[in-house]
Amino acid sequence: MQPLIGITTHQGKDPDGYPTTYLLQAYLQAILQAGGIPLPIPSLLAEGGWETLYPHLDGLLFSGGGDIAVERFGGEAHPRLDGLDPQRDALELNLLRAATSDGKPFLGICRGCQLVNVGLGGSLYTHLPDQLPGALNHSYPRPMRRALAHEVKIMGGTRLAEIAGQPRLKVNSLHHQGLKGVAPGLRVAALAPDGLVEAIELPDHPFGLAVQWHPEWLMDQSPMRRLFETFVHAARQRGHHA
């Protein structure tokens, strides 16, 4: 059986101003390529319904997107905050808490990495250029989704090191926020040259890993493909034993 992977989505508006739920297909393609069945989850389920869907999912992918409300982590307000979505914050935090407590595999990407950190008690830089001395340019323009912006150093002895199979990776970079205080219980799995945490993982969990870059746009790299394959495999194993 192919595992069912729930993927969180954005809320927005179409050109006529009507509300939309949307998700870039790169996430769907990455899960399909790894052998899973992707299922977009609307943030509207924050109001009720996510509890009904959750038991049917074999894994969760927390996708990229707008900023998390500073109230969620006691953060510093900044004029560059963008894409705030209280419904999405609420839904994802509920899903994360459920997944960490019952061992459901999850993968966080970009905002999803920040979400995992915040949900487990960590904090964020709300605008890296102003708050991290010596910060690299982490906020490449959106059309440059496949541009390799910088290297990350993979920490030895981590799940990510097993998956990557090499001590350094070249990654893209499409974010203006980042991890500040890493949540208790999380392990740092990768660092950027400026010291910014680029990956975190939850030890002793079947698969709890999050990266700050966007591996779904780098599927020509074998470590990125293995990241999705390992995640989907963990979800498949979970489905077999559910």
Protein backbone atom coordinates (compact mmCIF):
# COMPACT_ATOMS: atom_id res chain seq x y z
CA MET A 1 0.00 0.00 0.00
CA GLN A 2 1.17 3.52 -0.79
CA PRO A 3 1.19 5.65 2.36
CA LEU A 4 -1.12 8.66 2.56
CA ILE A 5 0.86 11.86 3.25
CA GLY A 6 -1.06 14.91 4.42
CA ILE A 7 0.46 18.22 3.28
CA THR A 8 -0.45 21.54 4.84
CA THR A 9 -1.49 24.33 2.47
CA HIS A 10 -1.63 28.10 2.03
CA GLN A 11 -4.65 30.36 2.15
CA GLY A 12 -4.85 33.27 -0.24
CA LYS A 13 -7.10 34.97 -2.79
CA ASP A 14 -7.53 34.63 -6.52
CA PRO A 15 -7.29 37.66 -8.89
CA ASP A 16 -10.96 38.42 -8.21
CA GLY A 17 -10.50 38.42 -4.46
CA TYR A 18 -12.10 35.04 -3.75
CA PRO A 19 -10.47 32.93 -1.01
CA THR A 20 -8.25 30.08 -2.20
CA THR A 21 -6.46 27.07 -0.77
CA TYR A 22 -3.31 26.31 -2.73
CA LEU A 23 -0.11 24.33 -2.74
CA LEU A 24 2.78 24.29 -5.19
CA GLN A 25 2.86 21.03 -7.12
CA ALA A 26 6.56 20.48 -6.36
CA TYR A 27 5.52 19.07 -2.96
CA LEU A 28 3.01 16.72 -4.56
CA GLN A 29 5.50 15.57 -7.18
CA ALA A 30 8.20 14.89 -4.58
CA ILE A 31 5.86 12.70 -2.52
CA LEU A 32 4.59 10.89 -5.62
CA GLN A 33 8.16 10.29 -6.83
CA ALA A 34 9.03 8.82 -3.41
CA GLY A 35 6.09 6.41 -3.57
CA GLY A 36 3.49 8.18 -1.46
CA ILE A 37 0.02 9.58 -2.10
CA PRO A 38 -0.11 13.32 -1.31
CA LEU A 39 -3.25 14.78 0.26
CA PRO A 40 -3.46 18.58 0.67
CA ILE A 41 -4.97 19.62 4.03
CA PRO A 42 -6.95 22.91 4.06
CA SER A 43 -6.31 25.21 7.00
CA LEU A 44 -10.09 25.55 7.34
CA LEU A 45 -9.94 22.24 9.24
CA ALA A 46 -8.44 24.15 12.16
CA GLU A 47 -12.03 25.02 13.07
CA GLY A 48 -12.88 21.33 13.36
CA GLY A 49 -12.36 18.24 11.29
CA TRP A 50 -8.62 17.71 11.47
CA GLU A 51 -9.17 15.17 14.24
CA THR A 52 -11.32 13.12 11.84
CA LEU A 53 -8.70 13.23 9.06
CA TYR A 54 -5.61 12.72 11.20
CA PRO A 55 -5.98 8.96 11.96
CA HIS A 56 -6.19 8.20 8.23
CA LEU A 57 -2.81 9.81 7.47
CA ASP A 58 0.41 7.78 7.52
CA GLY A 59 2.65 10.87 7.53
CA LEU A 60 2.59 14.67 7.59
CA LEU A 61 4.50 17.21 5.51
CA PHE A 62 4.53 20.73 6.94
CA SER A 63 5.08 22.86 3.83
CA GLY A 64 6.59 26.29 3.31
CA GLY A 65 4.62 29.53 3.39
CA GLY A 66 4.07 32.73 5.32
CA ASP A 67 5.33 33.73 8.74
CA ILE A 68 4.17 32.28 12.05
CA ALA A 69 2.51 34.76 14.43
CA VAL A 70 5.07 36.12 16.92
CA GLU A 71 2.60 35.49 19.75
CA ARG A 72 3.19 31.78 19.25
CA PHE A 73 6.81 32.04 20.41
CA GLY A 74 7.17 35.36 22.21
CA GLY A 75 8.96 36.79 19.18
CA GLU A 76 9.99 40.28 18.22
CA ALA A 77 7.52 42.05 15.93
CA HIS A 78 8.99 43.29 12.65
CA PRO A 79 7.55 45.30 9.72
CA ARG A 80 8.66 42.57 7.29
CA LEU A 81 6.28 39.99 8.79
CA ASP A 82 4.21 38.60 5.94
CA GLY A 83 1.57 36.00 5.15
CA LEU A 84 0.27 35.62 8.69
CA ASP A 85 -2.49 33.01 8.92
CA PRO A 86 -3.89 32.23 12.40
CA GLN A 87 -5.92 29.27 11.10
CA ARG A 88 -2.87 27.67 9.56
CA ASP A 89 -0.81 28.20 12.72
CA ALA A 90 -3.53 26.55 14.80
CA LEU A 91 -4.01 23.60 12.47
CA GLU A 92 -0.31 22.85 12.07
CA LEU A 93 0.44 23.12 15.77
CA ASN A 94 -2.40 20.69 16.54
CA LEU A 95 -1.14 18.26 13.90
CA LEU A 96 2.44 18.54 15.14
CA ARG A 97 1.50 17.87 18.75
CA ALA A 98 -0.47 14.81 17.70
CA ALA A 99 2.38 13.51 15.50
CA THR A 100 5.04 13.98 18.17
CA SER A 101 2.94 12.24 20.80
CA ASP A 102 1.88 9.19 18.78
CA GLY A 103 4.93 8.67 16.55
CA LYS A 104 3.44 9.58 13.18
CA PRO A 105 6.28 10.41 10.73
CA PHE A 106 6.59 14.07 9.77
CA LEU A 107 8.80 16.23 7.56
CA GLY A 108 9.01 20.02 7.85
CA ILE A 109 10.16 22.28 5.01
CA CYS A 110 11.12 25.97 5.40
CA ARG A 111 8.16 27.42 7.36
CA GLY A 112 7.58 23.81 8.38
CA CYS A 113 11.01 23.73 10.04
CA GLN A 114 10.17 26.90 11.94
CA LEU A 115 6.75 25.46 12.85
CA VAL A 116 8.30 22.31 14.35
CA ASN A 117 10.70 24.41 16.42
CA VAL A 118 7.99 26.78 17.65
CA GLY A 119 5.54 23.96 18.34
CA LEU A 120 8.03 22.21 20.61
CA GLY A 121 8.99 25.35 22.53
CA GLY A 122 11.66 27.08 20.42
CA SER A 123 11.92 30.62 19.06
CA LEU A 124 12.65 32.38 15.76
CA TYR A 125 14.50 35.33 14.33
CA THR A 126 11.65 37.33 12.80
CA HIS A 127 13.93 38.99 10.21
CA LEU A 128 17.42 37.56 9.82
CA PRO A 129 19.16 40.56 8.19
CA ASP A 130 18.34 42.72 11.22
CA GLN A 131 18.72 40.17 14.02
CA LEU A 132 21.51 37.71 13.10
CA PRO A 133 24.92 39.44 12.93
CA GLY A 134 26.82 38.42 9.81
CA ALA A 135 23.80 36.68 8.30
CA LEU A 136 24.06 35.38 4.75
CA ASN A 137 21.43 36.33 2.22
CA HIS A 138 18.86 33.63 2.95
CA SER A 139 16.00 35.30 1.12
CA TYR A 140 16.56 34.65 -2.58
CA PRO A 141 13.79 35.83 -4.96
CA ARG A 142 11.03 33.27 -5.48
CA PRO A 143 11.87 32.58 -9.14
CA MET A 144 15.27 31.29 -7.92
CA ARG A 145 13.84 28.20 -6.25
CA ARG A 146 16.52 25.93 -7.72
CA ALA A 147 19.47 28.29 -7.19
CA LEU A 148 22.10 26.82 -4.84
CA ALA A 149 22.58 29.64 -2.36
CA HIS A 150 25.03 28.18 0.15
CA GLU A 151 26.34 25.00 1.72
CA VAL A 152 25.08 23.43 4.91
CA LYS A 153 27.22 21.35 7.23
CA ILE A 154 25.50 18.11 8.26
CA MET A 155 26.08 17.18 11.89
CA GLY A 156 27.58 13.73 12.45
CA GLY A 157 25.51 11.08 14.17
CA THR A 158 22.17 12.49 13.02
CA ARG A 159 19.38 10.92 11.01
CA LEU A 160 20.00 13.55 8.36
CA ALA A 161 23.66 12.48 8.12
CA GLU A 162 22.53 8.92 7.40
CA ILE A 163 20.19 10.15 4.68
CA ALA A 164 22.59 12.68 3.11
CA GLY A 165 25.55 10.31 3.01
CA GLN A 166 27.94 13.27 2.85
CA PRO A 167 29.09 15.96 5.31
CA ARG A 168 27.96 18.96 3.28
CA LEU A 169 25.10 19.78 0.94
CA LYS A 170 24.47 22.72 -1.35
CA VAL A 171 20.96 24.07 -0.83
CA ASN A 172 18.55 26.74 -1.99
CA SER A 173 17.36 29.48 0.37
CA LEU A 174 13.99 31.23 0.28
CA HIS A 175 13.32 32.52 3.79
CA HIS A 176 13.77 35.72 5.80
CA GLN A 177 13.19 34.14 9.22
CA GLY A 178 15.07 31.35 10.95
CA LEU A 179 15.55 29.29 14.08
CA LYS A 180 16.86 31.24 17.08
CA GLY A 181 16.42 29.18 20.25
CA VAL A 182 16.18 25.48 19.37
CA ALA A 183 13.39 23.76 21.25
CA PRO A 184 14.28 21.41 24.12
CA GLY A 185 14.35 17.83 22.89
CA LEU A 186 15.25 18.72 19.31
CA ARG A 187 18.68 17.94 17.88
CA VAL A 188 20.48 20.30 15.49
CA ALA A 189 21.18 18.38 12.27
CA ALA A 190 22.65 21.04 9.95
CA LEU A 191 24.18 24.52 10.07
CA ALA A 192 24.67 27.27 7.49
CA PRO A 193 28.08 28.99 7.21
CA ASP A 194 26.75 31.94 9.25
CA GLY A 195 25.77 29.62 12.11
CA LEU A 196 22.05 29.56 11.38
CA VAL A 197 20.41 26.23 12.19
CA GLU A 198 19.29 24.69 8.88
CA ALA A 199 17.85 21.34 10.06
CA ILE A 200 16.45 19.83 13.24
CA GLU A 201 15.26 16.36 14.17
CA LEU A 202 13.39 14.66 16.97
CA PRO A 203 15.47 11.78 18.35
CA ASP A 204 13.71 8.51 19.21
CA HIS A 205 10.84 9.30 16.83
CA PRO A 206 10.11 7.04 13.81
CA PHE A 207 10.75 10.05 11.54
CA GLY A 208 10.68 13.61 12.84
CA LEU A 209 12.90 15.84 10.70
CA ALA A 210 12.70 19.39 9.36
CA VAL A 211 14.91 21.39 7.00
CA GLN A 212 15.06 25.12 6.34
CA TRP A 213 15.73 24.75 2.61
CA HIS A 214 13.36 23.46 -0.11
CA PRO A 215 14.40 19.93 -1.12
CA GLU A 216 11.31 19.52 -3.31
CA TRP A 217 12.95 21.88 -5.83
CA LEU A 218 16.26 19.97 -5.74
CA MET A 219 15.13 16.48 -6.69
CA ASP A 220 18.00 16.20 -9.15
CA GLN A 221 20.23 15.71 -6.06
CA SER A 222 20.23 12.17 -4.70
CA PRO A 223 20.33 13.28 -1.01
CA MET A 224 17.13 15.26 -1.55
CA ARG A 225 15.42 12.29 -3.18
CA ARG A 226 16.55 10.07 -0.30
CA LEU A 227 15.09 12.53 2.19
CA PHE A 228 11.62 12.09 0.69
CA GLU A 229 12.10 8.36 0.13
CA THR A 230 13.13 7.79 3.74
CA PHE A 231 10.19 9.85 4.99
CA VAL A 232 7.70 8.00 2.79
CA HIS A 233 9.22 4.64 3.79
CA ALA A 234 8.76 5.53 7.47
CA ALA A 235 5.15 6.48 6.74
CA ARG A 236 4.62 3.18 4.91
CA GLN A 237 6.00 1.25 7.89
CA ARG A 238 3.72 3.20 10.16
CA GLY A 239 0.72 2.38 7.95
CA HIS A 240 1.54 -1.33 8.05
CA HIS A 241 1.55 -1.33 11.84
CA ALA A 242 -1.37 1.02 12.44
